[in-house]
């Protein structure tokens, strides 16, 4: 826990030094984020196994990575293993954490106010602007971490965003992260086998919102099926 905290503080400080000297470009920020993610995985002795083919992004095409979410370690796992300028959609409460929240905001992460529908819609509009500017959005369509490891019901908002941007969805199933750090605990279990199962890209324009939601969930269930 202490090493993880220290690594995070060092990473945030590195980012702000780069920003102070005018060097915090998106490419540089990507490097800092991925270095942090890989460092956190080394601390817990984890090297994710990539199952399937990593996505190859096409210019000017919006992308959304959708994965299950059963552990806080899903975050470094996704950031460390998938290519692109990945930024996650996070709950608004994280933006209030001193230093950390401000750093995420300036790194182009996106916050959603889940308690205020009007603000949430506005937040998703900001996400749309980021996607059209080359950011690859990562989101857990369940909206929160699963407490029992099962894939929960998907929220509707992210599929509306996918349709509005004609996004290509990259479905991902993460296996083993819950054992590494179960929800609502700090019971670390280093050395777990983590598998990141990549699904085939899904063109959202081929579905309406409801069937897109259903189809992505079916694909992710197959990716998680042991």
C-alpha atoms as a PDB file:
ATOM      1  CA  UNK A   1       0.000   0.000   0.000  1.00  0.00           C
ATOM      2  CA  UNK A   2       2.755   2.461   0.977  1.00  0.00           C
ATOM      3  CA  UNK A   3       4.807   1.751  -2.160  1.00  0.00           C
ATOM      4  CA  UNK A   4       1.710   2.248  -4.313  1.00  0.00           C
ATOM      5  CA  UNK A   5       0.972   5.579  -2.641  1.00  0.00           C
ATOM      6  CA  UNK A   6       4.578   6.760  -3.004  1.00  0.00           C
ATOM      7  CA  UNK A   7       4.652   5.750  -6.673  1.00  0.00           C
ATOM      8  CA  UNK A   8       1.426   7.662  -7.305  1.00  0.00           C
ATOM      9  CA  UNK A   9       2.748  10.810  -5.610  1.00  0.00           C
ATOM     10  CA  UNK A  10       5.999  10.595  -7.587  1.00  0.00           C
ATOM     11  CA  UNK A  11       4.025  10.204 -10.823  1.00  0.00           C
ATOM     12  CA  UNK A  12       1.780  13.177 -10.066  1.00  0.00           C
ATOM     13  CA  UNK A  13       4.828  15.293  -9.239  1.00  0.00           C
ATOM     14  CA  UNK A  14       6.504  14.236 -12.499  1.00  0.00           C
ATOM     15  CA  UNK A  15       3.403  15.326 -14.401  1.00  0.00           C
ATOM     16  CA  UNK A  16       3.271  18.726 -12.728  1.00  0.00           C
ATOM     17  CA  UNK A  17       6.976  19.346 -13.359  1.00  0.00           C
ATOM     18  CA  UNK A  18       6.400  18.555 -17.031  1.00  0.00           C
ATOM     19  CA  UNK A  19       3.412  20.882 -17.063  1.00  0.00           C
ATOM     20  CA  UNK A  20       5.374  23.648 -15.319  1.00  0.00           C
ATOM     21  CA  UNK A  21       8.038  23.518 -18.028  1.00  0.00           C
ATOM     22  CA  UNK A  22       5.482  23.343 -20.837  1.00  0.00           C
ATOM     23  CA  UNK A  23       6.285  19.722 -21.689  1.00  0.00           C
ATOM     24  CA  UNK A  24       3.043  18.042 -20.638  1.00  0.00           C
ATOM     25  CA  UNK A  25       1.898  17.274 -24.160  1.00  0.00           C
ATOM     26  CA  UNK A  26      -0.642  14.504 -24.655  1.00  0.00           C
ATOM     27  CA  UNK A  27       2.121  12.145 -25.804  1.00  0.00           C
ATOM     28  CA  UNK A  28       4.236  12.954 -22.737  1.00  0.00           C
ATOM     29  CA  UNK A  29       1.219  12.560 -20.468  1.00  0.00           C
ATOM     30  CA  UNK A  30       0.526   9.162 -22.058  1.00  0.00           C
ATOM     31  CA  UNK A  31       4.096   8.103 -21.232  1.00  0.00           C
ATOM     32  CA  UNK A  32       3.736   9.216 -17.609  1.00  0.00           C
ATOM     33  CA  UNK A  33       0.380   7.456 -17.182  1.00  0.00           C
ATOM     34  CA  UNK A  34       1.595   4.175 -18.666  1.00  0.00           C
ATOM     35  CA  UNK A  35       4.798   4.267 -16.613  1.00  0.00           C
ATOM     36  CA  UNK A  36       2.697   4.709 -13.455  1.00  0.00           C
ATOM     37  CA  UNK A  37       0.372   1.842 -14.401  1.00  0.00           C
ATOM     38  CA  UNK A  38       3.231  -0.564 -15.131  1.00  0.00           C
ATOM     39  CA  UNK A  39       5.024   0.436 -11.919  1.00  0.00           C
ATOM     40  CA  UNK A  40       1.906  -0.335  -9.854  1.00  0.00           C
ATOM     41  CA  UNK A  41       1.637  -3.763 -11.460  1.00  0.00           C
ATOM     42  CA  UNK A  42       5.311  -4.507 -10.770  1.00  0.00           C
ATOM     43  CA  UNK A  43       4.778  -3.676  -7.098  1.00  0.00           C
ATOM     44  CA  UNK A  44       2.175  -6.455  -6.825  1.00  0.00           C
ATOM     45  CA  UNK A  45       4.191  -8.820  -9.034  1.00  0.00           C
ATOM     46  CA  UNK A  46       1.693  -8.912 -11.889  1.00  0.00           C
ATOM     47  CA  UNK A  47       2.336  -9.181 -15.627  1.00  0.00           C
ATOM     48  CA  UNK A  48      -1.054  -9.276 -17.392  1.00  0.00           C
ATOM     49  CA  UNK A  49      -1.478 -11.946 -20.053  1.00  0.00           C
ATOM     50  CA  UNK A  50      -2.974 -10.527 -23.242  1.00  0.00           C
ATOM     51  CA  UNK A  51      -5.504 -12.894 -24.782  1.00  0.00           C
ATOM     52  CA  UNK A  52      -6.633 -11.925 -28.268  1.00  0.00           C
ATOM     53  CA  UNK A  53      -5.567  -9.051 -30.491  1.00  0.00           C
ATOM     54  CA  UNK A  54      -4.939  -5.522 -29.289  1.00  0.00           C
ATOM     55  CA  UNK A  55      -6.941  -2.882 -31.165  1.00  0.00           C
ATOM     56  CA  UNK A  56      -5.401  -0.962 -34.051  1.00  0.00           C
ATOM     57  CA  UNK A  57      -6.917   2.510 -34.074  1.00  0.00           C
ATOM     58  CA  UNK A  58      -7.857   4.319 -37.262  1.00  0.00           C
ATOM     59  CA  UNK A  59      -7.361   8.072 -37.522  1.00  0.00           C
ATOM     60  CA  UNK A  60     -10.428  10.244 -36.863  1.00  0.00           C
ATOM     61  CA  UNK A  61     -12.433   7.247 -35.581  1.00  0.00           C
ATOM     62  CA  UNK A  62     -13.757   7.559 -32.000  1.00  0.00           C
ATOM     63  CA  UNK A  63     -13.169   4.552 -29.740  1.00  0.00           C
ATOM     64  CA  UNK A  64     -14.566   3.439 -26.392  1.00  0.00           C
ATOM     65  CA  UNK A  65     -12.962   0.644 -24.373  1.00  0.00           C
ATOM     66  CA  UNK A  66     -15.548  -1.145 -22.237  1.00  0.00           C
ATOM     67  CA  UNK A  67     -14.486  -3.619 -19.577  1.00  0.00           C
ATOM     68  CA  UNK A  68     -15.787  -5.276 -16.447  1.00  0.00           C
ATOM     69  CA  UNK A  69     -14.782  -3.623 -13.172  1.00  0.00           C
ATOM     70  CA  UNK A  70     -14.175  -5.808 -10.121  1.00  0.00           C
ATOM     71  CA  UNK A  71     -11.072  -4.180  -8.588  1.00  0.00           C
ATOM     72  CA  UNK A  72      -9.218  -0.889  -8.392  1.00  0.00           C
ATOM     73  CA  UNK A  73      -6.414  -2.673 -10.249  1.00  0.00           C
ATOM     74  CA  UNK A  74      -8.549  -2.742 -13.385  1.00  0.00           C
ATOM     75  CA  UNK A  75      -7.347   0.829 -13.875  1.00  0.00           C
ATOM     76  CA  UNK A  76      -3.587   0.174 -14.153  1.00  0.00           C
ATOM     77  CA  UNK A  77      -4.276  -3.103 -15.981  1.00  0.00           C
ATOM     78  CA  UNK A  78      -6.169  -1.333 -18.776  1.00  0.00           C
ATOM     79  CA  UNK A  79      -3.790   1.636 -18.930  1.00  0.00           C
ATOM     80  CA  UNK A  80      -0.722  -0.614 -19.045  1.00  0.00           C
ATOM     81  CA  UNK A  81      -1.919  -3.143 -21.614  1.00  0.00           C
ATOM     82  CA  UNK A  82      -3.963  -1.274 -24.219  1.00  0.00           C
ATOM     83  CA  UNK A  83      -2.539   1.219 -26.724  1.00  0.00           C
ATOM     84  CA  UNK A  84      -3.599   4.797 -27.312  1.00  0.00           C
ATOM     85  CA  UNK A  85      -4.244   7.964 -25.323  1.00  0.00           C
ATOM     86  CA  UNK A  86      -6.579   6.246 -22.870  1.00  0.00           C
ATOM     87  CA  UNK A  87      -8.499   8.306 -20.348  1.00  0.00           C
ATOM     88  CA  UNK A  88     -11.194   6.895 -18.109  1.00  0.00           C
ATOM     89  CA  UNK A  89     -14.608   8.233 -17.259  1.00  0.00           C
ATOM     90  CA  UNK A  90     -14.588   8.474 -13.466  1.00  0.00           C
ATOM     91  CA  UNK A  91     -17.073   9.444 -10.801  1.00  0.00           C
ATOM     92  CA  UNK A  92     -17.121  13.137  -9.886  1.00  0.00           C
ATOM     93  CA  UNK A  93     -16.107  12.441  -6.283  1.00  0.00           C
ATOM     94  CA  UNK A  94     -12.555  11.588  -7.380  1.00  0.00           C
ATOM     95  CA  UNK A  95     -12.091  15.132  -8.664  1.00  0.00           C
ATOM     96  CA  UNK A  96     -12.393  16.447  -5.100  1.00  0.00           C
ATOM     97  CA  UNK A  97      -9.306  14.583  -3.844  1.00  0.00           C
ATOM     98  CA  UNK A  98      -6.587  17.221  -3.306  1.00  0.00           C
ATOM     99  CA  UNK A  99      -3.722  17.116  -5.819  1.00  0.00           C
ATOM    100  CA  UNK A 100      -4.921  13.788  -7.293  1.00  0.00           C
ATOM    101  CA  UNK A 101      -8.224  15.096  -8.668  1.00  0.00           C
ATOM    102  CA  UNK A 102      -6.663  18.233 -10.134  1.00  0.00           C
ATOM    103  CA  UNK A 103      -3.944  16.150 -11.768  1.00  0.00           C
ATOM    104  CA  UNK A 104      -6.501  13.855 -13.406  1.00  0.00           C
ATOM    105  CA  UNK A 105      -8.469  16.827 -14.706  1.00  0.00           C
ATOM    106  CA  UNK A 106      -5.388  18.407 -16.276  1.00  0.00           C
ATOM    107  CA  UNK A 107      -4.465  15.014 -17.757  1.00  0.00           C
ATOM    108  CA  UNK A 108      -7.774  15.011 -19.687  1.00  0.00           C
ATOM    109  CA  UNK A 109      -9.580  12.443 -17.559  1.00  0.00           C
ATOM    110  CA  UNK A 110     -13.351  12.907 -17.562  1.00  0.00           C
ATOM    111  CA  UNK A 111     -15.573  13.125 -14.502  1.00  0.00           C
ATOM    112  CA  UNK A 112     -19.271  12.252 -14.448  1.00  0.00           C
ATOM    113  CA  UNK A 113     -21.701  13.599 -11.857  1.00  0.00           C
ATOM    114  CA  UNK A 114     -23.813  10.488 -11.355  1.00  0.00           C
ATOM    115  CA  UNK A 115     -26.113  12.235  -8.859  1.00  0.00           C
ATOM    116  CA  UNK A 116     -27.218  14.998 -11.240  1.00  0.00           C
ATOM    117  CA  UNK A 117     -28.649  13.919 -14.588  1.00  0.00           C
ATOM    118  CA  UNK A 118     -28.322  17.346 -16.247  1.00  0.00           C
ATOM    119  CA  UNK A 119     -24.676  17.645 -15.248  1.00  0.00           C
ATOM    120  CA  UNK A 120     -24.027  14.049 -16.289  1.00  0.00           C
ATOM    121  CA  UNK A 121     -25.325  14.819 -19.783  1.00  0.00           C
ATOM    122  CA  UNK A 122     -23.042  17.850 -19.944  1.00  0.00           C
ATOM    123  CA  UNK A 123     -20.113  15.736 -18.741  1.00  0.00           C
ATOM    124  CA  UNK A 124     -20.760  13.189 -21.482  1.00  0.00           C
ATOM    125  CA  UNK A 125     -20.712  16.020 -24.014  1.00  0.00           C
ATOM    126  CA  UNK A 126     -17.183  16.845 -22.818  1.00  0.00           C
ATOM    127  CA  UNK A 127     -16.294  13.188 -23.279  1.00  0.00           C
ATOM    128  CA  UNK A 128     -17.586  13.403 -26.839  1.00  0.00           C
ATOM    129  CA  UNK A 129     -15.316  16.379 -27.546  1.00  0.00           C
ATOM    130  CA  UNK A 130     -12.314  14.482 -26.170  1.00  0.00           C
ATOM    131  CA  UNK A 131     -13.077  11.436 -28.311  1.00  0.00           C
ATOM    132  CA  UNK A 132     -13.321  13.505 -31.470  1.00  0.00           C
ATOM    133  CA  UNK A 133      -9.940  14.988 -30.552  1.00  0.00           C
ATOM    134  CA  UNK A 134      -8.238  11.571 -30.376  1.00  0.00           C
ATOM    135  CA  UNK A 135      -8.756  10.460 -26.775  1.00  0.00           C
ATOM    136  CA  UNK A 136      -9.698   6.791 -26.355  1.00  0.00           C
ATOM    137  CA  UNK A 137     -12.337   6.596 -23.636  1.00  0.00           C
ATOM    138  CA  UNK A 138     -12.283   3.733 -21.152  1.00  0.00           C
ATOM    139  CA  UNK A 139     -15.407   3.044 -19.120  1.00  0.00           C
ATOM    140  CA  UNK A 140     -16.926   0.308 -17.000  1.00  0.00           C
ATOM    141  CA  UNK A 141     -20.493   0.171 -18.382  1.00  0.00           C
ATOM    142  CA  UNK A 142     -21.712  -1.196 -15.045  1.00  0.00           C
ATOM    143  CA  UNK A 143     -21.010   2.244 -13.602  1.00  0.00           C
ATOM    144  CA  UNK A 144     -19.241   0.966 -10.489  1.00  0.00           C
ATOM    145  CA  UNK A 145     -17.173  -1.929  -9.186  1.00  0.00           C
ATOM    146  CA  UNK A 146     -18.904  -5.279  -8.922  1.00  0.00           C
ATOM    147  CA  UNK A 147     -19.077  -6.469  -5.330  1.00  0.00           C
ATOM    148  CA  UNK A 148     -19.435 -10.159  -6.156  1.00  0.00           C
ATOM    149  CA  UNK A 149     -17.329 -10.345  -9.308  1.00  0.00           C
ATOM    150  CA  UNK A 150     -20.364 -10.875 -11.544  1.00  0.00           C
ATOM    151  CA  UNK A 151     -21.079  -8.617 -14.497  1.00  0.00           C
ATOM    152  CA  UNK A 152     -23.813  -6.200 -13.472  1.00  0.00           C
ATOM    153  CA  UNK A 153     -26.471  -4.342 -15.440  1.00  0.00           C
ATOM    154  CA  UNK A 154     -25.077  -1.796 -17.899  1.00  0.00           C
ATOM    155  CA  UNK A 155     -25.904   1.907 -17.695  1.00  0.00           C
ATOM    156  CA  UNK A 156     -27.499   3.574 -20.720  1.00  0.00           C
ATOM    157  CA  UNK A 157     -25.543   6.834 -20.984  1.00  0.00           C
ATOM    158  CA  UNK A 158     -22.325   5.438 -22.424  1.00  0.00           C
ATOM    159  CA  UNK A 159     -24.224   3.702 -25.234  1.00  0.00           C
ATOM    160  CA  UNK A 160     -25.949   6.957 -26.101  1.00  0.00           C
ATOM    161  CA  UNK A 161     -22.481   8.528 -26.328  1.00  0.00           C
ATOM    162  CA  UNK A 162     -21.277   5.656 -28.524  1.00  0.00           C
ATOM    163  CA  UNK A 163     -24.176   6.148 -30.915  1.00  0.00           C
ATOM    164  CA  UNK A 164     -23.781   9.937 -31.059  1.00  0.00           C
ATOM    165  CA  UNK A 165     -20.105   9.609 -32.017  1.00  0.00           C
ATOM    166  CA  UNK A 166     -20.448   6.451 -34.164  1.00  0.00           C
ATOM    167  CA  UNK A 167     -17.777   4.997 -31.914  1.00  0.00           C
ATOM    168  CA  UNK A 168     -16.123   1.630 -32.262  1.00  0.00           C
ATOM    169  CA  UNK A 169     -16.364  -0.268 -28.985  1.00  0.00           C
ATOM    170  CA  UNK A 170     -13.460  -2.417 -27.817  1.00  0.00           C
ATOM    171  CA  UNK A 171     -14.875  -5.017 -25.375  1.00  0.00           C
ATOM    172  CA  UNK A 172     -12.444  -6.309 -22.746  1.00  0.00           C
ATOM    173  CA  UNK A 173     -12.822  -8.982 -20.098  1.00  0.00           C
ATOM    174  CA  UNK A 174     -10.387  -8.805 -17.155  1.00  0.00           C
ATOM    175  CA  UNK A 175      -9.974 -12.038 -15.218  1.00  0.00           C
ATOM    176  CA  UNK A 176      -8.227 -12.307 -11.850  1.00  0.00           C
ATOM    177  CA  UNK A 177      -8.150  -8.658 -10.726  1.00  0.00           C
ATOM    178  CA  UNK A 178     -10.747  -9.217  -8.023  1.00  0.00           C
ATOM    179  CA  UNK A 179      -8.443 -11.721  -6.325  1.00  0.00           C
ATOM    180  CA  UNK A 180      -5.585  -9.227  -6.526  1.00  0.00           C
ATOM    181  CA  UNK A 181      -7.529  -6.576  -4.583  1.00  0.00           C
ATOM    182  CA  UNK A 182     -11.171  -7.311  -3.720  1.00  0.00           C
ATOM    183  CA  UNK A 183     -13.604  -4.354  -3.554  1.00  0.00           C
ATOM    184  CA  UNK A 184     -14.000  -2.491  -0.263  1.00  0.00           C
ATOM    185  CA  UNK A 185     -10.762  -3.948   1.181  1.00  0.00           C
ATOM    186  CA  UNK A 186      -7.042  -3.269   1.236  1.00  0.00           C
ATOM    187  CA  UNK A 187      -6.283  -6.997   1.271  1.00  0.00           C
ATOM    188  CA  UNK A 188      -3.605  -7.162  -1.416  1.00  0.00           C
ATOM    189  CA  UNK A 189      -2.820 -10.595  -2.838  1.00  0.00           C
ATOM    190  CA  UNK A 190       0.291 -10.152  -5.012  1.00  0.00           C
ATOM    191  CA  UNK A 191       1.348 -12.528  -7.758  1.00  0.00           C
ATOM    192  CA  UNK A 192      -2.093 -13.255  -9.167  1.00  0.00           C
ATOM    193  CA  UNK A 193      -2.534 -14.444 -12.742  1.00  0.00           C
ATOM    194  CA  UNK A 194      -4.311 -11.682 -14.624  1.00  0.00           C
ATOM    195  CA  UNK A 195      -5.768 -12.282 -18.069  1.00  0.00           C
ATOM    196  CA  UNK A 196      -6.927  -9.459 -20.325  1.00  0.00           C
ATOM    197  CA  UNK A 197      -9.248 -10.907 -22.963  1.00  0.00           C
ATOM    198  CA  UNK A 198      -9.669  -8.684 -26.021  1.00  0.00           C
ATOM    199  CA  UNK A 199     -12.904  -8.923 -27.986  1.00  0.00           C
ATOM    200  CA  UNK A 200     -13.425  -8.025 -31.617  1.00  0.00           C
ATOM    201  CA  UNK A 201     -14.246  -4.344 -32.245  1.00  0.00           C
ATOM    202  CA  UNK A 202     -17.969  -3.561 -32.297  1.00  0.00           C
ATOM    203  CA  UNK A 203     -19.222  -0.856 -34.666  1.00  0.00           C
ATOM    204  CA  UNK A 204     -21.933   0.984 -32.730  1.00  0.00           C
ATOM    205  CA  UNK A 205     -23.501   2.286 -35.946  1.00  0.00           C
ATOM    206  CA  UNK A 206     -24.676  -1.273 -36.677  1.00  0.00           C
ATOM    207  CA  UNK A 207     -27.046  -1.306 -33.674  1.00  0.00           C
ATOM    208  CA  UNK A 208     -29.626   0.832 -31.926  1.00  0.00           C
ATOM    209  CA  UNK A 209     -28.866   1.828 -28.324  1.00  0.00           C
ATOM    210  CA  UNK A 210     -30.783  -1.030 -26.703  1.00  0.00           C
ATOM    211  CA  UNK A 211     -29.394  -3.826 -28.856  1.00  0.00           C
ATOM    212  CA  UNK A 212     -25.902  -2.309 -28.647  1.00  0.00           C
ATOM    213  CA  UNK A 213     -26.122  -2.472 -24.848  1.00  0.00           C
ATOM    214  CA  UNK A 214     -27.295  -6.081 -24.998  1.00  0.00           C
ATOM    215  CA  UNK A 215     -24.742  -7.145 -27.593  1.00  0.00           C
ATOM    216  CA  UNK A 216     -21.755  -5.656 -25.743  1.00  0.00           C
ATOM    217  CA  UNK A 217     -22.873  -7.326 -22.521  1.00  0.00           C
ATOM    218  CA  UNK A 218     -23.210 -10.703 -24.247  1.00  0.00           C
ATOM    219  CA  UNK A 219     -19.719 -10.354 -25.733  1.00  0.00           C
ATOM    220  CA  UNK A 220     -18.201  -9.396 -22.385  1.00  0.00           C
ATOM    221  CA  UNK A 221     -19.895 -12.321 -20.643  1.00  0.00           C
ATOM    222  CA  UNK A 222     -18.217 -14.634 -23.157  1.00  0.00           C
ATOM    223  CA  UNK A 223     -14.856 -12.948 -22.571  1.00  0.00           C
ATOM    224  CA  UNK A 224     -15.242 -13.564 -18.833  1.00  0.00           C
ATOM    225  CA  UNK A 225     -16.504 -17.146 -19.185  1.00  0.00           C
ATOM    226  CA  UNK A 226     -13.889 -19.443 -17.674  1.00  0.00           C
END
